[in-house]
PDB file of N, CA and C in Angstrom:
ATOM      1  N   MET A   1      18.273 242.863-166.820  1.00  0.00           N
ATOM      2  CA  MET A   1      18.426 244.178-166.225  1.00  0.00           C
ATOM      3  C   MET A   1      17.505 245.161-166.939  1.00  0.00           C
ATOM      4  N   LYS A   2      16.933 246.040-166.145  1.00  0.00           N
ATOM      5  CA  LYS A   2      16.093 247.078-166.736  1.00  0.00           C
ATOM      6  C   LYS A   2      16.979 248.159-167.330  1.00  0.00           C
ATOM      7  N   ALA A   3      16.579 248.662-168.430  1.00  0.00           N
ATOM      8  CA  ALA A   3      17.337 249.734-169.090  1.00  0.00           C
ATOM      9  C   ALA A   3      16.988 251.081-168.455  1.00  0.00           C
ATOM     10  N   GLY A   4      18.013 251.935-168.289  1.00  0.00           N
ATOM     11  CA  GLY A   4      17.783 253.308-167.831  1.00  0.00           C
ATOM     12  C   GLY A   4      17.725 253.508-166.328  1.00  0.00           C
ATOM     13  N   ILE A   5      17.902 252.457-165.505  1.00  0.00           N
ATOM     14  CA  ILE A   5      17.823 252.661-164.056  1.00  0.00           C
ATOM     15  C   ILE A   5      19.187 252.597-163.375  1.00  0.00           C
ATOM     16  N   HIS A   6      20.214 252.208-164.100  1.00  0.00           N
ATOM     17  CA  HIS A   6      21.535 252.061-163.507  1.00  0.00           C
ATOM     18  C   HIS A   6      22.379 253.303-163.754  1.00  0.00           C
ATOM     19  N   PRO A   7      23.223 253.701-162.765  1.00  0.00           N
ATOM     20  CA  PRO A   7      24.076 254.876-162.969  1.00  0.00           C
ATOM     21  C   PRO A   7      25.189 254.573-163.974  1.00  0.00           C
ATOM     22  N   ASP A   8      25.753 255.631-164.536  1.00  0.00           N
ATOM     23  CA  ASP A   8      26.850 255.477-165.499  1.00  0.00           C
ATOM     24  C   ASP A   8      28.097 255.006-164.772  1.00  0.00           C
ATOM     25  N   TYR A   9      28.811 254.083-165.378  1.00  0.00           N
ATOM     26  CA  TYR A   9      30.043 253.507-164.831  1.00  0.00           C
ATOM     27  C   TYR A   9      31.184 254.107-165.638  1.00  0.00           C
ATOM     28  N   VAL A  10      31.877 255.113-165.043  1.00  0.00           N
ATOM     29  CA  VAL A  10      32.864 255.886-165.787  1.00  0.00           C
ATOM     30  C   VAL A  10      34.264 255.717-165.193  1.00  0.00           C
ATOM     31  N   THR A  11      35.276 256.093-165.953  1.00  0.00           N
ATOM     32  CA  THR A  11      36.652 256.087-165.489  1.00  0.00           C
ATOM     33  C   THR A  11      36.883 257.330-164.639  1.00  0.00           C
ATOM     34  N   VAL A  12      37.469 257.143-163.437  1.00  0.00           N
ATOM     35  CA  VAL A  12      37.722 258.261-162.523  1.00  0.00           C
ATOM     36  C   VAL A  12      39.177 258.236-162.067  1.00  0.00           C
ATOM     37  N   ASN A  13      39.673 259.399-161.677  1.00  0.00           N
ATOM     38  CA  ASN A  13      41.005 259.527-161.093  1.00  0.00           C
ATOM     39  C   ASN A  13      40.849 259.546-159.578  1.00  0.00           C
ATOM     40  N   VAL A  14      41.674 258.756-158.892  1.00  0.00           N
ATOM     41  CA  VAL A  14      41.654 258.686-157.433  1.00  0.00           C
ATOM     42  C   VAL A  14      42.917 259.359-156.926  1.00  0.00           C
ATOM     43  N   HIS A  15      42.766 260.279-155.959  1.00  0.00           N
ATOM     44  CA  HIS A  15      43.895 261.000-155.371  1.00  0.00           C
ATOM     45  C   HIS A  15      43.896 260.765-153.867  1.00  0.00           C
ATOM     46  N   CYS A  16      45.035 260.314-153.343  1.00  0.00           N
ATOM     47  CA  CYS A  16      45.185 260.110-151.903  1.00  0.00           C
ATOM     48  C   CYS A  16      45.887 261.327-151.308  1.00  0.00           C
ATOM     49  N   ALA A  17      45.717 261.531-150.004  1.00  0.00           N
ATOM     50  CA  ALA A  17      46.371 262.642-149.320  1.00  0.00           C
ATOM     51  C   ALA A  17      47.884 262.498-149.323  1.00  0.00           C
ATOM     52  N   CYS A  18      48.402 261.271-149.475  1.00  0.00           N
ATOM     53  CA  CYS A  18      49.851 261.056-149.491  1.00  0.00           C
ATOM     54  C   CYS A  18      50.461 261.400-150.852  1.00  0.00           C
ATOM     55  N   GLY A  19      49.643 261.662-151.858  1.00  0.00           N
ATOM     56  CA  GLY A  19      50.143 262.041-153.168  1.00  0.00           C
ATOM     57  C   GLY A  19      50.005 260.959-154.224  1.00  0.00           C
ATOM     58  N   THR A  20      49.612 259.770-153.854  1.00  0.00           N
ATOM     59  CA  THR A  20      49.449 258.675-154.802  1.00  0.00           C
ATOM     60  C   THR A  20      48.182 258.894-155.625  1.00  0.00           C
ATOM     61  N   THR A  21      48.276 258.650-156.921  1.00  0.00           N
ATOM     62  CA  THR A  21      47.103 258.754-157.792  1.00  0.00           C
ATOM     63  C   THR A  21      47.018 257.509-158.667  1.00  0.00           C
ATOM     64  N   TRP A  22      45.818 257.130-159.026  1.00  0.00           N
ATOM     65  CA  TRP A  22      45.579 256.015-159.940  1.00  0.00           C
ATOM     66  C   TRP A  22      44.217 256.189-160.586  1.00  0.00           C
ATOM     67  N   THR A  23      43.973 255.390-161.601  1.00  0.00           N
ATOM     68  CA  THR A  23      42.728 255.449-162.346  1.00  0.00           C
ATOM     69  C   THR A  23      41.947 254.166-162.106  1.00  0.00           C
ATOM     70  N   THR A  24      40.644 254.327-161.900  1.00  0.00           N
ATOM     71  CA  THR A  24      39.756 253.182-161.709  1.00  0.00           C
ATOM     72  C   THR A  24      38.404 253.535-162.318  1.00  0.00           C
ATOM     73  N   ARG A  25      37.441 252.674-162.124  1.00  0.00           N
ATOM     74  CA  ARG A  25      36.095 252.942-162.622  1.00  0.00           C
ATOM     75  C   ARG A  25      35.142 253.027-161.450  1.00  0.00           C
ATOM     76  N   SER A  26      34.171 253.939-161.551  1.00  0.00           N
ATOM     77  CA  SER A  26      33.242 254.157-160.453  1.00  0.00           C
ATOM     78  C   SER A  26      31.976 254.832-160.961  1.00  0.00           C
ATOM     79  N   THR A  27      30.956 254.830-160.141  1.00  0.00           N
ATOM     80  CA  THR A  27      29.721 255.548-160.442  1.00  0.00           C
ATOM     81  C   THR A  27      29.652 256.854-159.658  1.00  0.00           C
ATOM     82  N   LYS A  28      30.716 257.196-158.919  1.00  0.00           N
ATOM     83  CA  LYS A  28      30.716 258.347-158.022  1.00  0.00           C
ATOM     84  C   LYS A  28      31.060 259.674-158.672  1.00  0.00           C
ATOM     85  N   GLY A  29      31.438 259.725-159.903  1.00  0.00           N
ATOM     86  CA  GLY A  29      31.753 261.006-160.524  1.00  0.00           C
ATOM     87  C   GLY A  29      33.075 260.962-161.253  1.00  0.00           C
ATOM     88  N   GLN A  30      33.711 262.110-161.380  1.00  0.00           N
ATOM     89  CA  GLN A  30      34.925 262.216-162.163  1.00  0.00           C
ATOM     90  C   GLN A  30      36.200 262.103-161.328  1.00  0.00           C
ATOM     91  N   GLU A  31      36.120 262.364-160.025  1.00  0.00           N
ATOM     92  CA  GLU A  31      37.324 262.377-159.203  1.00  0.00           C
ATOM     93  C   GLU A  31      36.992 261.928-157.778  1.00  0.00           C
ATOM     94  N   LEU A  32      37.866 261.086-157.211  1.00  0.00           N
ATOM     95  CA  LEU A  32      37.719 260.650-155.821  1.00  0.00           C
ATOM     96  C   LEU A  32      38.937 261.103-155.031  1.00  0.00           C
ATOM     97  N   ARG A  33      38.720 261.611-153.832  1.00  0.00           N
ATOM     98  CA  ARG A  33      39.819 262.021-152.956  1.00  0.00           C
ATOM     99  C   ARG A  33      39.751 261.196-151.681  1.00  0.00           C
ATOM    100  N   LEU A  34      40.883 260.570-151.330  1.00  0.00           N
ATOM    101  CA  LEU A  34      40.968 259.712-150.161  1.00  0.00           C
ATOM    102  C   LEU A  34      41.929 260.293-149.144  1.00  0.00           C
ATOM    103  N   GLU A  35      41.728 259.965-147.863  1.00  0.00           N
ATOM    104  CA  GLU A  35      42.653 260.380-146.817  1.00  0.00           C
ATOM    105  C   GLU A  35      43.774 259.373-146.646  1.00  0.00           C
ATOM    106  N   ILE A  36      43.494 258.098-146.908  1.00  0.00           N
ATOM    107  CA  ILE A  36      44.488 257.050-146.698  1.00  0.00           C
ATOM    108  C   ILE A  36      44.272 255.954-147.731  1.00  0.00           C
ATOM    109  N   CYS A  37      45.377 255.379-148.204  1.00  0.00           N
ATOM    110  CA  CYS A  37      45.298 254.320-149.214  1.00  0.00           C
ATOM    111  C   CYS A  37      46.284 253.215-148.845  1.00  0.00           C
ATOM    112  N   SER A  38      46.408 252.214-149.688  1.00  0.00           N
ATOM    113  CA  SER A  38      47.310 251.105-149.389  1.00  0.00           C
ATOM    114  C   SER A  38      48.776 251.522-149.459  1.00  0.00           C
ATOM    115  N   ALA A  39      49.084 252.633-150.100  1.00  0.00           N
ATOM    116  CA  ALA A  39      50.471 253.099-150.171  1.00  0.00           C
ATOM    117  C   ALA A  39      50.916 253.779-148.883  1.00  0.00           C
ATOM    118  N   CYS A  40      49.973 254.272-148.087  1.00  0.00           N
ATOM    119  CA  CYS A  40      50.354 254.987-146.870  1.00  0.00           C
ATOM    120  C   CYS A  40      49.735 254.394-145.598  1.00  0.00           C
ATOM    121  N   HIS A  41      48.907 253.379-145.704  1.00  0.00           N
ATOM    122  CA  HIS A  41      48.289 252.771-144.521  1.00  0.00           C
ATOM    123  C   HIS A  41      49.324 251.928-143.775  1.00  0.00           C
ATOM    124  N   PRO A  42      49.394 252.049-142.435  1.00  0.00           N
ATOM    125  CA  PRO A  42      50.399 251.310-141.661  1.00  0.00           C
ATOM    126  C   PRO A  42      50.318 249.797-141.813  1.00  0.00           C
ATOM    127  N   PHE A  43      49.159 249.237-142.045  1.00  0.00           N
ATOM    128  CA  PHE A  43      49.039 247.794-142.207  1.00  0.00           C
ATOM    129  C   PHE A  43      49.802 247.313-143.437  1.00  0.00           C
ATOM    130  N   PHE A  44      49.720 248.065-144.522  1.00  0.00           N
ATOM    131  CA  PHE A  44      50.366 247.663-145.766  1.00  0.00           C
ATOM    132  C   PHE A  44      51.832 248.063-145.822  1.00  0.00           C
ATOM    133  N   THR A  45      52.202 249.164-145.165  1.00  0.00           N
ATOM    134  CA  THR A  45      53.578 249.651-145.233  1.00  0.00           C
ATOM    135  C   THR A  45      54.471 249.034-144.171  1.00  0.00           C
ATOM    136  N   GLY A  46      53.899 248.545-143.090  1.00  0.00           N
ATOM    137  CA  GLY A  46      54.693 247.980-142.003  1.00  0.00           C
ATOM    138  C   GLY A  46      55.236 249.036-141.070  1.00  0.00           C
ATOM    139  N   LYS A  47      54.936 250.282-141.298  1.00  0.00           N
ATOM    140  CA  LYS A  47      55.377 251.374-140.438  1.00  0.00           C
ATOM    141  C   LYS A  47      54.197 251.838-139.615  1.00  0.00           C
ATOM    142  N   GLN A  48      54.433 251.993-138.329  1.00  0.00           N
ATOM    143  CA  GLN A  48      53.363 252.448-137.456  1.00  0.00           C
ATOM    144  C   GLN A  48      53.738 253.797-136.888  1.00  0.00           C
ATOM    145  N   ARG A  49      52.818 254.726-136.963  1.00  0.00           N
ATOM    146  CA  ARG A  49      53.037 256.056-136.427  1.00  0.00           C
ATOM    147  C   ARG A  49      52.185 256.210-135.182  1.00  0.00           C
ATOM    148  N   LEU A  50      52.811 256.480-134.063  1.00  0.00           N
ATOM    149  CA  LEU A  50      52.080 256.719-132.832  1.00  0.00           C
ATOM    150  C   LEU A  50      51.931 258.219-132.647  1.00  0.00           C
ATOM    151  N   ILE A  51      50.715 258.647-132.518  1.00  0.00           N
ATOM    152  CA  ILE A  51      50.447 260.067-132.341  1.00  0.00           C
ATOM    153  C   ILE A  51      49.748 260.242-131.002  1.00  0.00           C
ATOM    154  N   ASP A  52      50.395 260.975-130.108  1.00  0.00           N
ATOM    155  CA  ASP A  52      49.809 261.254-128.801  1.00  0.00           C
ATOM    156  C   ASP A  52      49.424 262.719-128.787  1.00  0.00           C
ATOM    157  N   SER A  53      48.202 262.996-129.172  1.00  0.00           N
ATOM    158  CA  SER A  53      47.776 264.385-129.250  1.00  0.00           C
ATOM    159  C   SER A  53      47.363 264.891-127.881  1.00  0.00           C
ATOM    160  N   ALA A  54      48.046 265.902-127.429  1.00  0.00           N
ATOM    161  CA  ALA A  54      47.760 266.607-126.172  1.00  0.00           C
ATOM    162  C   ALA A  54      47.826 265.693-124.959  1.00  0.00           C
ATOM    163  N   GLY A  55      48.729 264.712-124.957  1.00  0.00           N
ATOM    164  CA  GLY A  55      48.932 263.894-123.775  1.00  0.00           C
ATOM    165  C   GLY A  55      47.744 263.029-123.402  1.00  0.00           C
ATOM    166  N   GLN A  56      47.076 262.465-124.377  1.00  0.00           N
ATOM    167  CA  GLN A  56      45.887 261.661-124.107  1.00  0.00           C
ATOM    168  C   GLN A  56      46.203 260.430-123.256  1.00  0.00           C
ATOM    169  N   ILE A  57      47.380 259.847-123.454  1.00  0.00           N
ATOM    170  CA  ILE A  57      47.742 258.662-122.673  1.00  0.00           C
ATOM    171  C   ILE A  57      47.918 259.038-121.207  1.00  0.00           C
ATOM    172  N   GLU A  58      48.617 260.143-120.948  1.00  0.00           N
ATOM    173  CA  GLU A  58      48.808 260.581-119.572  1.00  0.00           C
ATOM    174  C   GLU A  58      47.478 260.958-118.928  1.00  0.00           C
ATOM    175  N   LYS A  59      46.606 261.575-119.691  1.00  0.00           N
ATOM    176  CA  LYS A  59      45.296 261.954-119.175  1.00  0.00           C
ATOM    177  C   LYS A  59      44.500 260.707-118.770  1.00  0.00           C
ATOM    178  N   PHE A  60      44.544 259.677-119.606  1.00  0.00           N
ATOM    179  CA  PHE A  60      43.858 258.430-119.296  1.00  0.00           C
ATOM    180  C   PHE A  60      44.454 257.779-118.053  1.00  0.00           C
ATOM    181  N   THR A  61      45.795 257.750-117.977  1.00  0.00           N
ATOM    182  CA  THR A  61      46.461 257.128-116.839  1.00  0.00           C
ATOM    183  C   THR A  61      46.116 257.852-115.550  1.00  0.00           C
ATOM    184  N   ARG A  62      46.082 259.174-115.590  1.00  0.00           N
ATOM    185  CA  ARG A  62      45.719 259.930-114.387  1.00  0.00           C
ATOM    186  C   ARG A  62      44.295 259.624-113.954  1.00  0.00           C
ATOM    187  N   LYS A  63      43.404 259.494-114.906  1.00  0.00           N
ATOM    188  CA  LYS A  63      41.995 259.285-114.571  1.00  0.00           C
ATOM    189  C   LYS A  63      41.695 257.845-114.175  1.00  0.00           C
ATOM    190  N   TRP A  64      42.226 256.865-114.919  1.00  0.00           N
ATOM    191  CA  TRP A  64      41.847 255.476-114.731  1.00  0.00           C
ATOM    192  C   TRP A  64      42.994 254.564-114.322  1.00  0.00           C
ATOM    193  N   GLY A  65      44.192 255.102-114.155  1.00  0.00           N
ATOM    194  CA  GLY A  65      45.343 254.278-113.823  1.00  0.00           C
ATOM    195  C   GLY A  65      45.232 253.678-112.424  1.00  0.00           C
ATOM    196  N   LYS A  66      46.248 252.866-112.059  1.00  0.00           N
ATOM    197  CA  LYS A  66      46.234 252.249-110.736  1.00  0.00           C
ATOM    198  C   LYS A  66      46.338 253.309-109.665  1.00  0.00           C
ATOM    199  N   LYS A  67      45.525 253.155-108.654  1.00  0.00           N
ATOM    200  CA  LYS A  67      45.559 254.083-107.535  1.00  0.00           C
ATOM    201  C   LYS A  67      46.467 253.499-106.461  1.00  0.00           C
ATOM    202  N   LYS A  68      47.082 254.378-105.693  1.00  0.00           N
ATOM    203  CA  LYS A  68      47.948 253.924-104.614  1.00  0.00           C
ATOM    204  C   LYS A  68      47.080 253.299-103.529  1.00  0.00           C
ATOM    205  N   GLU A  69      47.501 252.130-103.077  1.00  0.00           N
ATOM    206  CA  GLU A  69      46.740 251.451-102.035  1.00  0.00           C
ATOM    207  C   GLU A  69      47.113 252.029-100.684  1.00  0.00           C
ATOM    208  N   THR A  70      46.113 252.204 -99.865  1.00  0.00           N
ATOM    209  CA  THR A  70      46.369 252.705 -98.517  1.00  0.00           C
ATOM    210  C   THR A  70      46.692 251.525 -97.620  1.00  0.00           C
ATOM    211  N   ALA A  71      47.503 251.770 -96.608  1.00  0.00           N
ATOM    212  CA  ALA A  71      47.903 250.684 -95.703  1.00  0.00           C
ATOM    213  C   ALA A  71      46.704 250.269 -94.881  1.00  0.00           C
ATOM    214  N   THR A  72      46.417 248.977 -94.875  1.00  0.00           N
ATOM    215  CA  THR A  72      45.304 248.464 -94.079  1.00  0.00           C
ATOM    216  C   THR A  72      45.848 247.948 -92.765  1.00  0.00           C
ATOM    217  N   PRO A  73      45.139 248.159 -91.686  1.00  0.00           N
ATOM    218  CA  PRO A  73      45.641 247.674 -90.388  1.00  0.00           C
ATOM    219  C   PRO A  73      45.709 246.143 -90.386  1.00  0.00           C
ATOM    220  N   ALA A  74      46.808 245.626 -89.896  1.00  0.00           N
ATOM    221  CA  ALA A  74      47.002 244.179 -89.851  1.00  0.00           C
ATOM    222  C   ALA A  74      46.170 243.585 -88.745  1.00  0.00           C
ATOM    223  N   THR A  75      45.516 242.482 -89.025  1.00  0.00           N
ATOM    224  CA  THR A  75      44.722 241.820 -87.998  1.00  0.00           C
ATOM    225  C   THR A  75      45.596 240.771 -87.323  1.00  0.00           C
ATOM    226  N   PRO A  76      45.521 240.642 -86.007  1.00  0.00           N
ATOM    227  CA  PRO A  76      46.340 239.646 -85.326  1.00  0.00           C
ATOM    228  C   PRO A  76      45.914 238.227 -85.700  1.00  0.00           C
ATOM    229  N   ALA A  77      46.887 237.378 -85.915  1.00  0.00           N
ATOM    230  CA  ALA A  77      46.622 235.982 -86.288  1.00  0.00           C
ATOM    231  C   ALA A  77      46.230 235.203 -85.046  1.00  0.00           C
ATOM    232  N   LYS A  78      45.253 234.354 -85.174  1.00  0.00           N
ATOM    233  CA  LYS A  78      44.812 233.532 -84.038  1.00  0.00           C
ATOM    234  C   LYS A  78      45.753 232.344 -83.908  1.00  0.00           C
ATOM    235  N   ALA A  79      46.150 232.099 -82.684  1.00  0.00           N
ATOM    236  CA  ALA A  79      47.071 230.992 -82.457  1.00  0.00           C
ATOM    237  C   ALA A  79      46.368 229.751 -81.997  1.00  0.00           C
TER     238      ALA A  79
END
């Protein structure tokens, strides 16, 4: 390895939005802030939160949902 070209590898504090904190090592600086971690991610916790902001599901259903079929005239069967 060449000397002087690698960043410093320092101990940093990591803070998640859920309130969990821990210490690790990184080259990114003194503090890392995360939005989601293994303590609050639904995959790891087994809890799933469904958020329907402003009726997005209904909006999608109205736009792309099944359309009502119109009655088609019946054709006479050949005997």
